[in-house]
């Protein structure tokens, strides 16, 4: 190659490199950064989240870093405790009442709450045991009276069970002494191990558990629906990623996965 030609090639390469660097510098940070979204979710939405998060990451390239805990209660892993101790989060998904409490305490930004899904309470027994008939209030009452032990959650469905449902059925005093509140595990896990004969929890928390048989939802007369809602944590540092995740979770494309986990989508597409 002649010297003049070599000089020309090197000069062209230098010009193109400078142009490329300048172009990258001019791009908005939102186009070059893929900061993970930090999400905390309670058990009611966990199964849906585990199905949806990989789809979101595949579409956007944005990772979702997840933490799990109950909507309420004194457990060290409960979401209120995690946030109170300064654990980082961008989005929080939990029972609406608990989410509103966090907003009142300043742990979730007030006015950012959005209802995502509605969840029903279901019943399960150990796999291989006779599946009880809970199709009516009377039949459910008899199942609970006959059961030797009952497990219920330390979250929204459990609060309803111990403070309202048994009283509606007129069996509170007979059934509460043999009922055990489960704080750090899923109710279905306790039932699968044979540590409780009957378990009650959100349907979406029972269905993923192996070793149990799902008996169905509570009868309409004593059913209790819980809204699970999303809110922006006060520690959020990734509003763009959070908004993309919320848009995906409220999209028609996410609705099927949500239904498959035993939840009813109610959010309007964003």
Foldseek 3Di string as FASTA:
>chain_A
DDPVVVVVVVVVVVVVVVVVVVVVVPDDPVVVDQEAAEEEEELLCVQLCVVCQVVLCVVPVHHYHYAYAALDDDDCRHPVNCLVVPNDHFKYKYFPVSVVVCCVVQQFPPPFKFWWWKWKKFKKAFPPDDQFAQQDLVSVLVVQLPWQAEEEEPHDVRVCVQPPLCVVSVCNVRRVVRYDYDHPDQQLVCRLVVVTGMYMDTQLNNVVDPRMDTNTGHHPVRMDMTTMIMTTGSNHDCVPVVVSVVLSSLDPVSQVSQVVSRIHTDGHHD
